[in-house]
PDB file of N, CA and C in Angstrom:
ATOM      1  N   MET A   1      67.012 200.480  21.817  1.00  0.00           N
ATOM      2  CA  MET A   1      66.092 199.700  20.994  1.00  0.00           C
ATOM      3  C   MET A   1      65.909 198.295  21.556  1.00  0.00           C
ATOM      4  N   LEU A   2      66.989 197.716  22.053  1.00  0.00           N
ATOM      5  CA  LEU A   2      66.900 196.380  22.603  1.00  0.00           C
ATOM      6  C   LEU A   2      66.022 196.344  23.852  1.00  0.00           C
ATOM      7  N   ASN A   3      66.112 197.392  24.683  1.00  0.00           N
ATOM      8  CA  ASN A   3      65.253 197.464  25.868  1.00  0.00           C
ATOM      9  C   ASN A   3      63.776 197.480  25.481  1.00  0.00           C
ATOM     10  N   PHE A   4      63.442 198.180  24.406  1.00  0.00           N
ATOM     11  CA  PHE A   4      62.054 198.253  23.939  1.00  0.00           C
ATOM     12  C   PHE A   4      61.559 196.876  23.524  1.00  0.00           C
ATOM     13  N   ILE A   5      62.390 196.125  22.807  1.00  0.00           N
ATOM     14  CA  ILE A   5      62.002 194.790  22.360  1.00  0.00           C
ATOM     15  C   ILE A   5      61.838 193.853  23.552  1.00  0.00           C
ATOM     16  N   VAL A   6      62.757 193.913  24.504  1.00  0.00           N
ATOM     17  CA  VAL A   6      62.662 193.093  25.714  1.00  0.00           C
ATOM     18  C   VAL A   6      61.403 193.466  26.487  1.00  0.00           C
ATOM     19  N   TRP A   7      61.108 194.748  26.582  1.00  0.00           N
ATOM     20  CA  TRP A   7      59.919 195.244  27.273  1.00  0.00           C
ATOM     21  C   TRP A   7      58.654 194.671  26.641  1.00  0.00           C
ATOM     22  N   ILE A   8      58.580 194.662  25.310  1.00  0.00           N
ATOM     23  CA  ILE A   8      57.416 194.128  24.589  1.00  0.00           C
ATOM     24  C   ILE A   8      57.295 192.619  24.812  1.00  0.00           C
ATOM     25  N   VAL A   9      58.416 191.907  24.705  1.00  0.00           N
ATOM     26  CA  VAL A   9      58.393 190.449  24.874  1.00  0.00           C
ATOM     27  C   VAL A   9      57.979 190.077  26.301  1.00  0.00           C
ATOM     28  N   VAL A  10      58.555 190.750  27.289  1.00  0.00           N
ATOM     29  CA  VAL A  10      58.204 190.460  28.686  1.00  0.00           C
ATOM     30  C   VAL A  10      56.751 190.836  28.950  1.00  0.00           C
ATOM     31  N   GLY A  11      56.283 191.933  28.380  1.00  0.00           N
ATOM     32  CA  GLY A  11      54.874 192.308  28.512  1.00  0.00           C
ATOM     33  C   GLY A  11      53.950 191.263  27.919  1.00  0.00           C
ATOM     34  N   ALA A  12      54.339 190.688  26.783  1.00  0.00           N
ATOM     35  CA  ALA A  12      53.532 189.639  26.160  1.00  0.00           C
ATOM     36  C   ALA A  12      53.486 188.396  27.030  1.00  0.00           C
ATOM     37  N   ILE A  13      54.616 188.025  27.605  1.00  0.00           N
ATOM     38  CA  ILE A  13      54.654 186.841  28.466  1.00  0.00           C
ATOM     39  C   ILE A  13      53.816 187.060  29.719  1.00  0.00           C
ATOM     40  N   ILE A  14      53.944 188.246  30.311  1.00  0.00           N
ATOM     41  CA  ILE A  14      53.157 188.550  31.511  1.00  0.00           C
ATOM     42  C   ILE A  14      51.664 188.559  31.188  1.00  0.00           C
ATOM     43  N   GLY A  15      51.281 189.151  30.073  1.00  0.00           N
ATOM     44  CA  GLY A  15      49.874 189.156  29.660  1.00  0.00           C
ATOM     45  C   GLY A  15      49.351 187.756  29.403  1.00  0.00           C
ATOM     46  N   TRP A  16      50.177 186.903  28.800  1.00  0.00           N
ATOM     47  CA  TRP A  16      49.784 185.530  28.521  1.00  0.00           C
ATOM     48  C   TRP A  16      49.592 184.745  29.815  1.00  0.00           C
ATOM     49  N   ILE A  17      50.533 184.891  30.755  1.00  0.00           N
ATOM     50  CA  ILE A  17      50.420 184.196  32.037  1.00  0.00           C
ATOM     51  C   ILE A  17      49.187 184.685  32.803  1.00  0.00           C
ATOM     52  N   ALA A  18      48.951 185.996  32.789  1.00  0.00           N
ATOM     53  CA  ALA A  18      47.775 186.547  33.475  1.00  0.00           C
ATOM     54  C   ALA A  18      46.487 186.014  32.852  1.00  0.00           C
ATOM     55  N   SER A  19      46.454 185.886  31.526  1.00  0.00           N
ATOM     56  CA  SER A  19      45.249 185.357  30.878  1.00  0.00           C
ATOM     57  C   SER A  19      45.065 183.881  31.202  1.00  0.00           C
ATOM     58  N   MET A  20      46.158 183.136  31.385  1.00  0.00           N
ATOM     59  CA  MET A  20      46.039 181.738  31.797  1.00  0.00           C
ATOM     60  C   MET A  20      45.509 181.649  33.226  1.00  0.00           C
ATOM     61  N   ILE A  21      45.979 182.526  34.109  1.00  0.00           N
ATOM     62  CA  ILE A  21      45.511 182.538  35.490  1.00  0.00           C
ATOM     63  C   ILE A  21      44.023 182.850  35.553  1.00  0.00           C
ATOM     64  N   MET A  22      43.581 183.788  34.731  1.00  0.00           N
ATOM     65  CA  MET A  22      42.181 184.218  34.761  1.00  0.00           C
ATOM     66  C   MET A  22      41.266 183.369  33.888  1.00  0.00           C
ATOM     67  N   GLY A  23      41.817 182.402  33.159  1.00  0.00           N
ATOM     68  CA  GLY A  23      40.998 181.523  32.345  1.00  0.00           C
ATOM     69  C   GLY A  23      40.513 182.146  31.056  1.00  0.00           C
ATOM     70  N   THR A  24      41.189 183.168  30.569  1.00  0.00           N
ATOM     71  CA  THR A  24      40.795 183.800  29.304  1.00  0.00           C
ATOM     72  C   THR A  24      41.750 183.423  28.187  1.00  0.00           C
ATOM     73  N   ASN A  25      42.597 182.424  28.411  1.00  0.00           N
ATOM     74  CA  ASN A  25      43.579 182.020  27.414  1.00  0.00           C
ATOM     75  C   ASN A  25      42.877 181.483  26.168  1.00  0.00           C
ATOM     76  N   GLY A  26      43.330 181.907  25.015  1.00  0.00           N
ATOM     77  CA  GLY A  26      42.744 181.470  23.766  1.00  0.00           C
ATOM     78  C   GLY A  26      41.721 182.433  23.209  1.00  0.00           C
ATOM     79  N   ARG A  27      41.248 183.362  24.019  1.00  0.00           N
ATOM     80  CA  ARG A  27      40.252 184.327  23.548  1.00  0.00           C
ATOM     81  C   ARG A  27      40.885 185.612  23.066  1.00  0.00           C
ATOM     82  N   GLN A  28      42.137 185.794  23.367  1.00  0.00           N
ATOM     83  CA  GLN A  28      42.805 187.021  22.950  1.00  0.00           C
ATOM     84  C   GLN A  28      44.093 186.646  22.239  1.00  0.00           C
ATOM     85  N   GLY A  29      44.556 187.521  21.403  1.00  0.00           N
ATOM     86  CA  GLY A  29      45.753 187.247  20.639  1.00  0.00           C
ATOM     87  C   GLY A  29      46.997 187.843  21.266  1.00  0.00           C
ATOM     88  N   LEU A  30      48.067 187.806  20.512  1.00  0.00           N
ATOM     89  CA  LEU A  30      49.357 188.294  20.975  1.00  0.00           C
ATOM     90  C   LEU A  30      49.311 189.782  21.291  1.00  0.00           C
ATOM     91  N   LEU A  31      48.663 190.563  20.456  1.00  0.00           N
ATOM     92  CA  LEU A  31      48.601 192.009  20.681  1.00  0.00           C
ATOM     93  C   LEU A  31      47.895 192.332  22.001  1.00  0.00           C
ATOM     94  N   LEU A  32      46.798 191.659  22.274  1.00  0.00           N
ATOM     95  CA  LEU A  32      46.103 191.907  23.540  1.00  0.00           C
ATOM     96  C   LEU A  32      46.897 191.398  24.731  1.00  0.00           C
ATOM     97  N   ASP A  33      47.664 190.325  24.561  1.00  0.00           N
ATOM     98  CA  ASP A  33      48.541 189.872  25.640  1.00  0.00           C
ATOM     99  C   ASP A  33      49.583 190.935  25.968  1.00  0.00           C
ATOM    100  N   ILE A  34      50.142 191.544  24.941  1.00  0.00           N
ATOM    101  CA  ILE A  34      51.124 192.618  25.144  1.00  0.00           C
ATOM    102  C   ILE A  34      50.472 193.795  25.860  1.00  0.00           C
ATOM    103  N   ILE A  35      49.293 194.178  25.405  1.00  0.00           N
ATOM    104  CA  ILE A  35      48.593 195.316  26.014  1.00  0.00           C
ATOM    105  C   ILE A  35      48.246 195.019  27.467  1.00  0.00           C
ATOM    106  N   VAL A  36      47.748 193.820  27.741  1.00  0.00           N
ATOM    107  CA  VAL A  36      47.399 193.446  29.118  1.00  0.00           C
ATOM    108  C   VAL A  36      48.643 193.471  29.995  1.00  0.00           C
ATOM    109  N   GLY A  37      49.753 192.942  29.503  1.00  0.00           N
ATOM    110  CA  GLY A  37      50.982 192.923  30.283  1.00  0.00           C
ATOM    111  C   GLY A  37      51.506 194.308  30.588  1.00  0.00           C
ATOM    112  N   LEU A  38      51.513 195.181  29.597  1.00  0.00           N
ATOM    113  CA  LEU A  38      52.064 196.525  29.786  1.00  0.00           C
ATOM    114  C   LEU A  38      51.126 197.427  30.587  1.00  0.00           C
ATOM    115  N   VAL A  39      49.833 197.354  30.302  1.00  0.00           N
ATOM    116  CA  VAL A  39      48.876 198.155  31.073  1.00  0.00           C
ATOM    117  C   VAL A  39      48.793 197.633  32.506  1.00  0.00           C
ATOM    118  N   GLY A  40      48.885 196.321  32.662  1.00  0.00           N
ATOM    119  CA  GLY A  40      48.915 195.742  34.007  1.00  0.00           C
ATOM    120  C   GLY A  40      50.131 196.213  34.791  1.00  0.00           C
ATOM    121  N   ALA A  41      51.277 196.318  34.129  1.00  0.00           N
ATOM    122  CA  ALA A  41      52.484 196.839  34.783  1.00  0.00           C
ATOM    123  C   ALA A  41      52.291 198.306  35.159  1.00  0.00           C
ATOM    124  N   PHE A  42      51.606 199.054  34.313  1.00  0.00           N
ATOM    125  CA  PHE A  42      51.320 200.453  34.626  1.00  0.00           C
ATOM    126  C   PHE A  42      50.409 200.556  35.841  1.00  0.00           C
ATOM    127  N   ILE A  43      49.382 199.724  35.886  1.00  0.00           N
ATOM    128  CA  ILE A  43      48.463 199.731  37.034  1.00  0.00           C
ATOM    129  C   ILE A  43      49.213 199.367  38.309  1.00  0.00           C
ATOM    130  N   ALA A  44      50.046 198.349  38.222  1.00  0.00           N
ATOM    131  CA  ALA A  44      50.832 197.940  39.388  1.00  0.00           C
ATOM    132  C   ALA A  44      51.765 199.059  39.827  1.00  0.00           C
ATOM    133  N   GLY A  45      52.361 199.744  38.864  1.00  0.00           N
ATOM    134  CA  GLY A  45      53.251 200.851  39.198  1.00  0.00           C
ATOM    135  C   GLY A  45      52.516 202.012  39.835  1.00  0.00           C
ATOM    136  N   PHE A  46      51.293 202.214  39.424  1.00  0.00           N
ATOM    137  CA  PHE A  46      50.513 203.334  39.946  1.00  0.00           C
ATOM    138  C   PHE A  46      49.895 203.016  41.307  1.00  0.00           C
ATOM    139  N   VAL A  47      49.415 201.781  41.481  1.00  0.00           N
ATOM    140  CA  VAL A  47      48.677 201.425  42.689  1.00  0.00           C
ATOM    141  C   VAL A  47      49.537 200.669  43.703  1.00  0.00           C
ATOM    142  N   LEU A  48      50.234 199.637  43.248  1.00  0.00           N
ATOM    143  CA  LEU A  48      50.922 198.735  44.175  1.00  0.00           C
ATOM    144  C   LEU A  48      52.324 199.173  44.563  1.00  0.00           C
ATOM    145  N   THR A  49      53.044 199.793  43.636  1.00  0.00           N
ATOM    146  CA  THR A  49      54.425 200.184  43.921  1.00  0.00           C
ATOM    147  C   THR A  49      54.542 201.131  45.113  1.00  0.00           C
ATOM    148  N   PRO A  50      53.686 202.144  45.258  1.00  0.00           N
ATOM    149  CA  PRO A  50      53.803 202.992  46.452  1.00  0.00           C
ATOM    150  C   PRO A  50      53.540 202.236  47.758  1.00  0.00           C
ATOM    151  N   LEU A  51      52.711 201.206  47.702  1.00  0.00           N
ATOM    152  CA  LEU A  51      52.403 200.437  48.904  1.00  0.00           C
ATOM    153  C   LEU A  51      53.516 199.452  49.268  1.00  0.00           C
ATOM    154  N   ILE A  52      54.100 198.823  48.257  1.00  0.00           N
ATOM    155  CA  ILE A  52      55.063 197.748  48.497  1.00  0.00           C
ATOM    156  C   ILE A  52      56.499 198.217  48.285  1.00  0.00           C
ATOM    157  N   GLY A  53      56.709 199.160  47.385  1.00  0.00           N
ATOM    158  CA  GLY A  53      58.051 199.688  47.158  1.00  0.00           C
ATOM    159  C   GLY A  53      58.877 198.907  46.157  1.00  0.00           C
ATOM    160  N   VAL A  54      58.216 198.135  45.292  1.00  0.00           N
ATOM    161  CA  VAL A  54      58.913 197.368  44.258  1.00  0.00           C
ATOM    162  C   VAL A  54      58.534 197.958  42.909  1.00  0.00           C
ATOM    163  N   GLY A  55      59.511 198.118  42.031  1.00  0.00           N
ATOM    164  CA  GLY A  55      59.246 198.654  40.698  1.00  0.00           C
ATOM    165  C   GLY A  55      58.562 197.634  39.807  1.00  0.00           C
ATOM    166  N   THR A  56      58.251 198.055  38.587  1.00  0.00           N
ATOM    167  CA  THR A  56      57.640 197.175  37.600  1.00  0.00           C
ATOM    168  C   THR A  56      58.511 197.148  36.357  1.00  0.00           C
ATOM    169  N   ILE A  57      58.079 196.378  35.345  1.00  0.00           N
ATOM    170  CA  ILE A  57      58.860 196.315  34.115  1.00  0.00           C
ATOM    171  C   ILE A  57      58.835 197.647  33.375  1.00  0.00           C
ATOM    172  N   ASN A  58      57.837 198.476  33.615  1.00  0.00           N
ATOM    173  CA  ASN A  58      57.784 199.785  32.975  1.00  0.00           C
ATOM    174  C   ASN A  58      58.873 200.716  33.476  1.00  0.00           C
ATOM    175  N   ASP A  59      59.448 200.395  34.636  1.00  0.00           N
ATOM    176  CA  ASP A  59      60.552 201.176  35.180  1.00  0.00           C
ATOM    177  C   ASP A  59      61.898 200.690  34.645  1.00  0.00           C
ATOM    178  N   GLY A  60      61.891 199.686  33.793  1.00  0.00           N
ATOM    179  CA  GLY A  60      63.123 199.102  33.292  1.00  0.00           C
ATOM    180  C   GLY A  60      63.724 198.117  34.276  1.00  0.00           C
ATOM    181  N   ASN A  61      62.962 197.716  35.261  1.00  0.00           N
ATOM    182  CA  ASN A  61      63.404 196.791  36.296  1.00  0.00           C
ATOM    183  C   ASN A  61      62.900 195.397  35.939  1.00  0.00           C
ATOM    184  N   PHE A  62      63.801 194.496  35.575  1.00  0.00           N
ATOM    185  CA  PHE A  62      63.400 193.151  35.179  1.00  0.00           C
ATOM    186  C   PHE A  62      63.776 192.124  36.237  1.00  0.00           C
ATOM    187  N   SER A  63      63.695 192.509  37.504  1.00  0.00           N
ATOM    188  CA  SER A  63      63.960 191.574  38.590  1.00  0.00           C
ATOM    189  C   SER A  63      62.711 190.728  38.844  1.00  0.00           C
ATOM    190  N   PHE A  64      62.862 189.659  39.613  1.00  0.00           N
ATOM    191  CA  PHE A  64      61.733 188.774  39.911  1.00  0.00           C
ATOM    192  C   PHE A  64      60.598 189.513  40.630  1.00  0.00           C
ATOM    193  N   PRO A  65      60.885 190.325  41.671  1.00  0.00           N
ATOM    194  CA  PRO A  65      59.780 191.052  42.319  1.00  0.00           C
ATOM    195  C   PRO A  65      59.064 192.013  41.364  1.00  0.00           C
ATOM    196  N   ALA A  66      59.805 192.636  40.462  1.00  0.00           N
ATOM    197  CA  ALA A  66      59.185 193.548  39.497  1.00  0.00           C
ATOM    198  C   ALA A  66      58.295 192.779  38.522  1.00  0.00           C
ATOM    199  N   LEU A  67      58.739 191.610  38.113  1.00  0.00           N
ATOM    200  CA  LEU A  67      57.920 190.795  37.224  1.00  0.00           C
ATOM    201  C   LEU A  67      56.644 190.333  37.922  1.00  0.00           C
ATOM    202  N   MET A  68      56.751 189.986  39.188  1.00  0.00           N
ATOM    203  CA  MET A  68      55.570 189.563  39.949  1.00  0.00           C
ATOM    204  C   MET A  68      54.599 190.728  40.157  1.00  0.00           C
ATOM    205  N   MET A  69      55.108 191.919  40.397  1.00  0.00           N
ATOM    206  CA  MET A  69      54.238 193.102  40.531  1.00  0.00           C
ATOM    207  C   MET A  69      53.513 193.366  39.219  1.00  0.00           C
ATOM    208  N   SER A  70      54.226 193.260  38.109  1.00  0.00           N
ATOM    209  CA  SER A  70      53.607 193.473  36.799  1.00  0.00           C
ATOM    210  C   SER A  70      52.549 192.412  36.523  1.00  0.00           C
ATOM    211  N   LEU A  71      52.828 191.165  36.900  1.00  0.00           N
ATOM    212  CA  LEU A  71      51.856 190.094  36.724  1.00  0.00           C
ATOM    213  C   LEU A  71      50.617 190.343  37.579  1.00  0.00           C
ATOM    214  N   LEU A  72      50.812 190.765  38.804  1.00  0.00           N
ATOM    215  CA  LEU A  72      49.688 191.070  39.677  1.00  0.00           C
ATOM    216  C   LEU A  72      48.843 192.210  39.105  1.00  0.00           C
ATOM    217  N   GLY A  73      49.483 193.220  38.548  1.00  0.00           N
ATOM    218  CA  GLY A  73      48.746 194.313  37.914  1.00  0.00           C
ATOM    219  C   GLY A  73      47.953 193.834  36.713  1.00  0.00           C
ATOM    220  N   ALA A  74      48.531 192.917  35.923  1.00  0.00           N
ATOM    221  CA  ALA A  74      47.820 192.374  34.759  1.00  0.00           C
ATOM    222  C   ALA A  74      46.621 191.543  35.192  1.00  0.00           C
ATOM    223  N   VAL A  75      46.768 190.773  36.261  1.00  0.00           N
ATOM    224  CA  VAL A  75      45.645 189.987  36.776  1.00  0.00           C
ATOM    225  C   VAL A  75      44.545 190.916  37.283  1.00  0.00           C
ATOM    226  N   ILE A  76      44.925 191.979  37.979  1.00  0.00           N
ATOM    227  CA  ILE A  76      43.942 192.960  38.456  1.00  0.00           C
ATOM    228  C   ILE A  76      43.193 193.572  37.273  1.00  0.00           C
ATOM    229  N   LEU A  77      43.917 193.910  36.216  1.00  0.00           N
ATOM    230  CA  LEU A  77      43.282 194.462  35.019  1.00  0.00           C
ATOM    231  C   LEU A  77      42.270 193.479  34.435  1.00  0.00           C
ATOM    232  N   LEU A  78      42.624 192.208  34.332  1.00  0.00           N
ATOM    233  CA  LEU A  78      41.703 191.220  33.774  1.00  0.00           C
ATOM    234  C   LEU A  78      40.498 190.981  34.683  1.00  0.00           C
ATOM    235  N   VAL A  79      40.694 191.065  35.995  1.00  0.00           N
ATOM    236  CA  VAL A  79      39.572 190.932  36.926  1.00  0.00           C
ATOM    237  C   VAL A  79      38.574 192.073  36.715  1.00  0.00           C
ATOM    238  N   VAL A  80      39.082 193.284  36.565  1.00  0.00           N
ATOM    239  CA  VAL A  80      38.211 194.447  36.358  1.00  0.00           C
ATOM    240  C   VAL A  80      37.474 194.334  35.026  1.00  0.00           C
ATOM    241  N   VAL A  81      38.183 193.947  33.967  1.00  0.00           N
ATOM    242  CA  VAL A  81      37.548 193.802  32.654  1.00  0.00           C
ATOM    243  C   VAL A  81      36.494 192.704  32.698  1.00  0.00           C
ATOM    244  N   LYS A  82      36.808 191.591  33.346  1.00  0.00           N
ATOM    245  CA  LYS A  82      35.849 190.493  33.450  1.00  0.00           C
ATOM    246  C   LYS A  82      34.610 190.913  34.242  1.00  0.00           C
ATOM    247  N   PHE A  83      34.806 191.680  35.306  1.00  0.00           N
ATOM    248  CA  PHE A  83      33.685 192.166  36.109  1.00  0.00           C
ATOM    249  C   PHE A  83      32.757 193.034  35.274  1.00  0.00           C
ATOM    250  N   PHE A  84      33.313 193.971  34.516  1.00  0.00           N
ATOM    251  CA  PHE A  84      32.464 194.861  33.728  1.00  0.00           C
ATOM    252  C   PHE A  84      31.817 194.143  32.560  1.00  0.00           C
ATOM    253  N   ASN A  85      32.477 193.144  31.989  1.00  0.00           N
ATOM    254  CA  ASN A  85      31.847 192.370  30.918  1.00  0.00           C
ATOM    255  C   ASN A  85      30.652 191.589  31.438  1.00  0.00           C
ATOM    256  N   ARG A  86      30.803 190.939  32.578  1.00  0.00           N
ATOM    257  CA  ARG A  86      29.680 190.197  33.155  1.00  0.00           C
ATOM    258  C   ARG A  86      28.550 191.134  33.540  1.00  0.00           C
ATOM    259  N   ARG A  87      28.890 192.259  34.106  1.00  0.00           N
ATOM    260  CA  ARG A  87      27.877 193.221  34.525  1.00  0.00           C
ATOM    261  C   ARG A  87      27.107 193.747  33.322  1.00  0.00           C
ATOM    262  N   GLY A  88      27.798 194.003  32.210  1.00  0.00           N
ATOM    263  CA  GLY A  88      27.138 194.485  31.003  1.00  0.00           C
ATOM    264  C   GLY A  88      26.192 193.461  30.415  1.00  0.00           C
ATOM    265  N   PHE A  89      26.586 192.174  30.422  1.00  0.00           N
ATOM    266  CA  PHE A  89      25.709 191.135  29.886  1.00  0.00           C
ATOM    267  C   PHE A  89      24.482 190.938  30.746  1.00  0.00           C
ATOM    268  N   LYS A  90      24.605 191.020  32.049  1.00  0.00           N
ATOM    269  CA  LYS A  90      23.467 190.811  32.942  1.00  0.00           C
ATOM    270  C   LYS A  90      22.455 191.937  32.850  1.00  0.00           C
ATOM    271  N   SER A  91      22.937 193.157  32.653  1.00  0.00           N
ATOM    272  CA  SER A  91      22.008 194.277  32.637  1.00  0.00           C
ATOM    273  C   SER A  91      21.390 194.497  31.255  1.00  0.00           C
ATOM    274  N   GLY A  92      21.870 193.740  30.254  1.00  0.00           N
ATOM    275  CA  GLY A  92      21.313 193.878  28.929  1.00  0.00           C
ATOM    276  C   GLY A  92      21.881 195.045  28.141  1.00  0.00           C
ATOM    277  N   LEU A  93      22.989 195.603  28.579  1.00  0.00           N
ATOM    278  CA  LEU A  93      23.572 196.737  27.880  1.00  0.00           C
ATOM    279  C   LEU A  93      24.237 196.325  26.585  1.00  0.00           C
ATOM    280  N   THR A  94      24.760 195.105  26.530  1.00  0.00           N
ATOM    281  CA  THR A  94      25.396 194.632  25.291  1.00  0.00           C
ATOM    282  C   THR A  94      24.586 193.471  24.750  1.00  0.00           C
ATOM    283  N   ARG A  95      24.630 193.320  23.480  1.00  0.00           N
ATOM    284  CA  ARG A  95      23.836 192.250  22.857  1.00  0.00           C
ATOM    285  C   ARG A  95      24.729 191.240  22.244  1.00  0.00           C
TER     286      ARG A  95
END
């Protein structure tokens, strides 16, 4: 149970830092920070871990390289979301 709580807290911190890096801080709440951090760690684990060989926080690895991989995955996630949001506004798909 304690690992789950630590996982959520670290995911929230990673999501918050990633949102500060991408300039989206203040537009999302704590729940979205947690989701961005955890989904970003999943993306990093799926895409970056095979290339670099470092685990993520989803593997239960809370080392500095694992935290950086998770942060990089969260930033990648926010870049993709930002790209599709801008693309949707330009094409008139969303109002």
